[in-house]
C-alpha atoms as a PDB file:
ATOM      1  CA  MET A   1      31.085  12.794   7.930  1.00  0.00           C
ATOM      2  CA  PRO A   2      28.312  13.102  10.506  1.00  0.00           C
ATOM      3  CA  SER A   3      26.915  10.073  12.314  1.00  0.00           C
ATOM      4  CA  GLU A   4      23.760   8.394  11.025  1.00  0.00           C
ATOM      5  CA  GLU A   5      21.690  10.055  13.763  1.00  0.00           C
ATOM      6  CA  ARG A   6      23.139  13.478  13.009  1.00  0.00           C
ATOM      7  CA  LEU A   7      22.630  13.000   9.277  1.00  0.00           C
ATOM      8  CA  ILE A   8      18.952  12.152   9.835  1.00  0.00           C
ATOM      9  CA  GLU A   9      18.570  15.141  12.147  1.00  0.00           C
ATOM     10  CA  LEU A  10      20.064  17.465   9.508  1.00  0.00           C
ATOM     11  CA  ILE A  11      17.845  16.066   6.765  1.00  0.00           C
ATOM     12  CA  LYS A  12      14.750  16.468   8.942  1.00  0.00           C
ATOM     13  CA  LYS A  13      15.731  20.119   9.399  1.00  0.00           C
ATOM     14  CA  GLY A  14      15.817  20.556   5.605  1.00  0.00           C
ATOM     15  CA  ASN A  15      19.560  20.315   4.981  1.00  0.00           C
ATOM     16  CA  GLU A  16      19.720  19.221   1.337  1.00  0.00           C
ATOM     17  CA  SER A  17      23.461  18.518   1.355  1.00  0.00           C
ATOM     18  CA  ALA A  18      22.857  16.003   4.173  1.00  0.00           C
ATOM     19  CA  PHE A  19      20.273  14.252   1.989  1.00  0.00           C
ATOM     20  CA  VAL A  20      22.771  14.194  -0.908  1.00  0.00           C
ATOM     21  CA  GLN A  21      25.305  12.676   1.457  1.00  0.00           C
ATOM     22  CA  MET A  22      22.810   9.978   2.525  1.00  0.00           C
ATOM     23  CA  TYR A  23      22.081   9.325  -1.158  1.00  0.00           C
ATOM     24  CA  GLU A  24      25.799   8.863  -1.847  1.00  0.00           C
ATOM     25  CA  ILE A  25      26.150   6.451   1.086  1.00  0.00           C
ATOM     26  CA  TYR A  26      23.138   4.244   0.318  1.00  0.00           C
ATOM     27  CA  SER A  27      22.297   4.615  -3.366  1.00  0.00           C
ATOM     28  CA  GLY A  28      24.689   1.865  -4.489  1.00  0.00           C
ATOM     29  CA  ARG A  29      23.220  -0.714  -2.119  1.00  0.00           C
ATOM     30  CA  LEU A  30      19.640   0.287  -2.907  1.00  0.00           C
ATOM     31  CA  PHE A  31      20.388   0.248  -6.630  1.00  0.00           C
ATOM     32  CA  GLY A  32      21.405  -3.381  -6.195  1.00  0.00           C
ATOM     33  CA  VAL A  33      17.982  -4.066  -4.654  1.00  0.00           C
ATOM     34  CA  CYS A  34      16.277  -2.298  -7.571  1.00  0.00           C
ATOM     35  CA  LEU A  35      18.337  -4.266 -10.109  1.00  0.00           C
ATOM     36  CA  ARG A  36      17.149  -7.551  -8.635  1.00  0.00           C
ATOM     37  CA  TYR A  37      13.512  -6.528  -9.025  1.00  0.00           C
ATOM     38  CA  SER A  38      13.757  -5.004 -12.490  1.00  0.00           C
ATOM     39  CA  LYS A  39      14.329  -6.240 -16.030  1.00  0.00           C
ATOM     40  CA  ASN A  40      17.131  -3.774 -16.846  1.00  0.00           C
ATOM     41  CA  ARG A  41      19.307  -0.939 -15.546  1.00  0.00           C
ATOM     42  CA  ALA A  42      16.990   1.813 -16.821  1.00  0.00           C
ATOM     43  CA  ASP A  43      14.035   0.401 -14.889  1.00  0.00           C
ATOM     44  CA  ALA A  44      16.254  -0.048 -11.828  1.00  0.00           C
ATOM     45  CA  GLU A  45      17.345   3.587 -12.064  1.00  0.00           C
ATOM     46  CA  ASP A  46      13.690   4.687 -12.206  1.00  0.00           C
ATOM     47  CA  LEU A  47      12.874   2.536  -9.180  1.00  0.00           C
ATOM     48  CA  LEU A  48      15.845   3.949  -7.282  1.00  0.00           C
ATOM     49  CA  GLN A  49      14.804   7.510  -8.072  1.00  0.00           C
ATOM     50  CA  GLU A  50      11.213   6.801  -7.022  1.00  0.00           C
ATOM     51  CA  SER A  51      12.545   5.190  -3.824  1.00  0.00           C
ATOM     52  CA  PHE A  52      14.589   8.232  -2.877  1.00  0.00           C
ATOM     53  CA  VAL A  53      11.631  10.529  -3.522  1.00  0.00           C
ATOM     54  CA  LYS A  54       9.572   8.386  -1.148  1.00  0.00           C
ATOM     55  CA  ILE A  55      12.447   8.275   1.360  1.00  0.00           C
ATOM     56  CA  TYR A  56      12.712  12.072   1.282  1.00  0.00           C
ATOM     57  CA  GLU A  57       8.982  12.476   1.782  1.00  0.00           C
ATOM     58  CA  ASN A  58       8.893  10.013   4.704  1.00  0.00           C
ATOM     59  CA  LEU A  59      12.185  10.532   6.516  1.00  0.00           C
ATOM     60  CA  LYS A  60      10.347  12.675   9.071  1.00  0.00           C
ATOM     61  CA  ASN A  61       8.565   9.460  10.114  1.00  0.00           C
ATOM     62  CA  PHE A  62      11.783   7.515  10.743  1.00  0.00           C
ATOM     63  CA  GLN A  63      11.860   6.849  14.493  1.00  0.00           C
ATOM     64  CA  GLY A  64      15.319   5.280  14.694  1.00  0.00           C
ATOM     65  CA  SER A  65      14.058   2.090  16.325  1.00  0.00           C
ATOM     66  CA  GLY A  66      15.844   0.007  13.653  1.00  0.00           C
ATOM     67  CA  SER A  67      18.722   0.642  11.312  1.00  0.00           C
ATOM     68  CA  LEU A  68      18.426   3.419   8.749  1.00  0.00           C
ATOM     69  CA  GLU A  69      19.631   1.072   6.023  1.00  0.00           C
ATOM     70  CA  GLY A  70      16.955  -1.467   6.887  1.00  0.00           C
ATOM     71  CA  TRP A  71      14.288   1.240   6.753  1.00  0.00           C
ATOM     72  CA  LEU A  72      15.598   2.533   3.392  1.00  0.00           C
ATOM     73  CA  ARG A  73      15.707  -1.014   2.033  1.00  0.00           C
ATOM     74  CA  ARG A  74      12.117  -1.646   3.153  1.00  0.00           C
ATOM     75  CA  ILE A  75      10.885   1.461   1.316  1.00  0.00           C
ATOM     76  CA  THR A  76      12.827   0.435  -1.791  1.00  0.00           C
ATOM     77  CA  VAL A  77      11.423  -3.104  -1.755  1.00  0.00           C
ATOM     78  CA  ASN A  78       7.912  -1.677  -1.307  1.00  0.00           C
ATOM     79  CA  ILE A  79       8.429   0.644  -4.280  1.00  0.00           C
ATOM     80  CA  CYS A  80       9.533  -2.363  -6.363  1.00  0.00           C
ATOM     81  CA  ILE A  81       6.479  -4.356  -5.236  1.00  0.00           C
ATOM     82  CA  ASN A  82       4.159  -1.477  -6.062  1.00  0.00           C
ATOM     83  CA  HIS A  83       5.763  -1.170  -9.473  1.00  0.00           C
ATOM     84  CA  TYR A  84       5.093  -4.877  -9.993  1.00  0.00           C
ATOM     85  CA  ARG A  85       1.449  -4.507  -8.946  1.00  0.00           C
ATOM     86  CA  LYS A  86       0.946  -1.634 -11.412  1.00  0.00           C
ATOM     87  CA  SER A  87       2.437  -3.532 -14.316  1.00  0.00           C
ATOM     88  CA  LYS A  88       1.046  -6.933 -13.363  1.00  0.00           C
ATOM     89  CA  ASN A  89      -0.209  -8.522 -16.563  1.00  0.00           C
ATOM     90  CA  GLU A  90       1.923 -11.594 -16.787  1.00  0.00           C
ATOM     91  CA  LYS A  91       0.251 -14.977 -16.503  1.00  0.00           C
ATOM     92  CA  VAL A  92       1.732 -17.831 -14.504  1.00  0.00           C
ATOM     93  CA  ILE A  93       3.275 -20.378 -16.825  1.00  0.00           C
ATOM     94  CA  ALA A  94       2.760 -24.072 -16.097  1.00  0.00           C
ATOM     95  CA  SER A  95       5.896 -26.172 -15.663  1.00  0.00           C
ATOM     96  CA  ASP A  96       6.893 -29.804 -15.488  1.00  0.00           C
ATOM     97  CA  ASN A  97       8.639 -31.438 -12.541  1.00  0.00           C
ATOM     98  CA  PHE A  98      12.225 -30.379 -11.961  1.00  0.00           C
ATOM     99  CA  ILE A  99      13.843 -31.057  -8.609  1.00  0.00           C
ATOM    100  CA  VAL A 100      17.320 -29.897  -7.717  1.00  0.00           C
ATOM    101  CA  ASP A 101      18.890 -30.001  -4.301  1.00  0.00           C
ATOM    102  CA  ASP A 102      19.274 -26.497  -2.793  1.00  0.00           C
ATOM    103  CA  VAL A 103      22.727 -27.257  -1.379  1.00  0.00           C
ATOM    104  CA  VAL A 104      23.923 -28.193  -4.853  1.00  0.00           C
ATOM    105  CA  ASN A 105      22.262 -25.030  -6.250  1.00  0.00           C
ATOM    106  CA  GLU A 106      24.220 -22.866  -3.829  1.00  0.00           C
ATOM    107  CA  THR A 107      27.486 -24.597  -4.725  1.00  0.00           C
ATOM    108  CA  VAL A 108      26.860 -24.312  -8.458  1.00  0.00           C
ATOM    109  CA  PHE A 109      25.785 -20.692  -8.197  1.00  0.00           C
ATOM    110  CA  SER A 110      28.911 -19.914  -6.184  1.00  0.00           C
ATOM    111  CA  LYS A 111      30.929 -20.889  -9.278  1.00  0.00           C
ATOM    112  CA  ILE A 112      29.148 -18.316 -11.440  1.00  0.00           C
ATOM    113  CA  GLU A 113      29.958 -14.593 -11.341  1.00  0.00           C
ATOM    114  CA  THR A 114      27.558 -12.499  -9.276  1.00  0.00           C
ATOM    115  CA  GLU A 115      26.805 -10.176 -12.173  1.00  0.00           C
ATOM    116  CA  ARG A 116      25.819 -13.117 -14.361  1.00  0.00           C
ATOM    117  CA  ILE A 117      23.518 -14.491 -11.653  1.00  0.00           C
ATOM    118  CA  LEU A 118      21.917 -11.053 -11.381  1.00  0.00           C
ATOM    119  CA  GLU A 119      21.360 -11.023 -15.163  1.00  0.00           C
ATOM    120  CA  LEU A 120      19.740 -14.468 -14.970  1.00  0.00           C
ATOM    121  CA  ILE A 121      17.433 -13.292 -12.183  1.00  0.00           C
ATOM    122  CA  GLN A 122      16.537 -10.202 -14.214  1.00  0.00           C
ATOM    123  CA  GLU A 123      15.508 -12.442 -17.128  1.00  0.00           C
ATOM    124  CA  LEU A 124      12.873 -14.203 -15.001  1.00  0.00           C
ATOM    125  CA  PRO A 125       9.225 -13.277 -15.600  1.00  0.00           C
ATOM    126  CA  GLU A 126       8.261 -10.431 -13.302  1.00  0.00           C
ATOM    127  CA  GLY A 127       6.168 -12.488 -10.863  1.00  0.00           C
ATOM    128  CA  TYR A 128       8.805 -15.174 -10.517  1.00  0.00           C
ATOM    129  CA  ARG A 129      11.563 -12.571 -10.066  1.00  0.00           C
ATOM    130  CA  LEU A 130       9.577 -10.731  -7.403  1.00  0.00           C
ATOM    131  CA  VAL A 131       8.848 -13.837  -5.310  1.00  0.00           C
ATOM    132  CA  PHE A 132      12.401 -15.144  -5.783  1.00  0.00           C
ATOM    133  CA  ASN A 133      13.890 -11.859  -4.541  1.00  0.00           C
ATOM    134  CA  LEU A 134      11.512 -11.532  -1.630  1.00  0.00           C
ATOM    135  CA  HIS A 135      12.031 -15.095  -0.429  1.00  0.00           C
ATOM    136  CA  VAL A 136      15.611 -15.956  -1.285  1.00  0.00           C
ATOM    137  CA  ILE A 137      17.327 -12.602  -1.028  1.00  0.00           C
ATOM    138  CA  GLU A 138      15.181 -10.525   1.326  1.00  0.00           C
ATOM    139  CA  GLY A 139      14.223 -13.468   3.566  1.00  0.00           C
ATOM    140  CA  TYR A 140      10.443 -13.076   3.524  1.00  0.00           C
ATOM    141  CA  LYS A 141       8.271 -16.102   4.357  1.00  0.00           C
ATOM    142  CA  HIS A 142       5.634 -17.260   1.900  1.00  0.00           C
ATOM    143  CA  ASN A 143       2.753 -16.028   4.042  1.00  0.00           C
ATOM    144  CA  GLU A 144       4.383 -12.567   4.177  1.00  0.00           C
ATOM    145  CA  ILE A 145       4.919 -12.562   0.402  1.00  0.00           C
ATOM    146  CA  ALA A 146       1.317 -13.585  -0.153  1.00  0.00           C
ATOM    147  CA  GLU A 147       0.137 -10.699   2.018  1.00  0.00           C
ATOM    148  CA  LEU A 148       2.430  -8.181   0.297  1.00  0.00           C
ATOM    149  CA  LEU A 149       1.362  -9.246  -3.183  1.00  0.00           C
ATOM    150  CA  GLY A 150      -2.289  -9.951  -2.476  1.00  0.00           C
ATOM    151  CA  THR A 151      -2.077 -13.595  -3.546  1.00  0.00           C
ATOM    152  CA  SER A 152      -2.114 -16.966  -1.844  1.00  0.00           C
ATOM    153  CA  GLU A 153       0.739 -18.642  -0.014  1.00  0.00           C
ATOM    154  CA  ASN A 154       0.591 -21.518  -2.519  1.00  0.00           C
ATOM    155  CA  THR A 155       0.991 -19.095  -5.407  1.00  0.00           C
ATOM    156  CA  SER A 156       4.122 -17.720  -3.733  1.00  0.00           C
ATOM    157  CA  LYS A 157       5.512 -21.239  -3.284  1.00  0.00           C
ATOM    158  CA  THR A 158       4.681 -22.200  -6.867  1.00  0.00           C
ATOM    159  CA  GLN A 159       6.246 -19.082  -8.323  1.00  0.00           C
ATOM    160  CA  LEU A 160       9.397 -19.634  -6.253  1.00  0.00           C
ATOM    161  CA  LEU A 161       9.625 -23.214  -7.477  1.00  0.00           C
ATOM    162  CA  LYS A 162       9.178 -22.080 -11.081  1.00  0.00           C
ATOM    163  CA  ALA A 163      11.734 -19.288 -10.654  1.00  0.00           C
ATOM    164  CA  ARG A 164      14.290 -21.781  -9.336  1.00  0.00           C
ATOM    165  CA  LYS A 165      13.462 -24.148 -12.149  1.00  0.00           C
ATOM    166  CA  GLN A 166      13.970 -21.458 -14.793  1.00  0.00           C
ATOM    167  CA  LEU A 167      17.203 -20.326 -13.208  1.00  0.00           C
ATOM    168  CA  MET A 168      18.546 -23.859 -13.159  1.00  0.00           C
ATOM    169  CA  GLU A 169      17.490 -24.435 -16.770  1.00  0.00           C
ATOM    170  CA  LYS A 170      19.390 -21.290 -17.771  1.00  0.00           C
ATOM    171  CA  VAL A 171      22.455 -22.367 -15.780  1.00  0.00           C
ATOM    172  CA  ILE A 172      22.338 -25.812 -17.360  1.00  0.00           C
ATOM    173  CA  LYS A 173      22.094 -24.269 -20.824  1.00  0.00           C
ATOM    174  CA  LEU A 174      24.870 -21.732 -20.221  1.00  0.00           C
ATOM    175  CA  TYR A 175      27.171 -23.961 -18.164  1.00  0.00           C
ATOM    176  CA  PRO A 176      26.746 -27.512 -19.469  1.00  0.00           C
ATOM    177  CA  ASN A 177      30.017 -28.569 -17.811  1.00  0.00           C
ATOM    178  CA  LEU A 178      28.240 -28.301 -14.443  1.00  0.00           C
ATOM    179  CA  ILE A 179      25.789 -31.092 -15.258  1.00  0.00           C
ATOM    180  CA  ASP A 180      25.902 -34.789 -15.633  1.00  0.00           C
ATOM    181  CA  LYS A 181      23.051 -36.461 -17.516  1.00  0.00           C
ATOM    182  CA  THR A 182      22.106 -39.844 -16.128  1.00  0.00           C
ATOM    183  CA  LYS A 183      19.117 -42.061 -16.788  1.00  0.00           C
ATOM    184  CA  ASP A 184      16.612 -42.410 -14.009  1.00  0.00           C
ATOM    185  CA  ASN A 185      14.733 -45.622 -13.339  1.00  0.00           C
ATOM    186  CA  ASP A 186      11.393 -44.450 -14.650  1.00  0.00           C
ATOM    187  CA  ASN A 187      11.442 -42.826 -18.036  1.00  0.00           C
ATOM    188  CA  GLY A 188      13.910 -40.335 -19.330  1.00  0.00           C
ATOM    189  CA  THR A 189      16.833 -38.208 -18.512  1.00  0.00           C
ATOM    190  CA  ASN A 190      17.467 -36.904 -15.053  1.00  0.00           C
ATOM    191  CA  LYS A 191      19.783 -33.902 -14.996  1.00  0.00           C
ATOM    192  CA  LYS A 192      22.113 -33.928 -12.068  1.00  0.00           C
ATOM    193  CA  LEU A 193      24.439 -31.072 -11.208  1.00  0.00           C
ATOM    194  CA  VAL A 194      28.027 -32.044 -10.563  1.00  0.00           C
ATOM    195  CA  LEU A 195      30.882 -30.068  -9.145  1.00  0.00           C
ATOM    196  CA  GLU A 196      34.072 -29.950 -11.183  1.00  0.00           C
END
């Protein structure tokens, strides 16, 4: 197998088998990115195909200053964001207060299979899912997300909070053995995650 640099050079010269080889190397990882941003496998497959079309069209512009995988991932994320923008018709849903410690979240989520977590993320409303993926998985800051999506930084923060809330509600519903219900001092039930 040729090196990454040689593979890019061959593709730039029009070698289709080199592009197929690049597809075979990176399609699985990029499909994972597409799955996180889509509602189902069929949509993810469409996003992946659209991403590779864009990659093929723009590979001549790849300068090699960063990693090829990072560049491919960036194109794929941008395709997913553009798909969201085109289909944006979902309204932000108001939510009540729900605070859960992030360290506990990470521990609880580590007890759940990765595929199941991915399914739960896919069930989020599109806007929540997009912000959640960009911030938590891709590592974007809220000001960067706001710029990418053409919204405010506060909207990004709110949608992330709501995404986390919905995920935790789903986890609590699906895995009740991970929670302990205790009364808080004010008025009602405070759900607290426990580790068994």
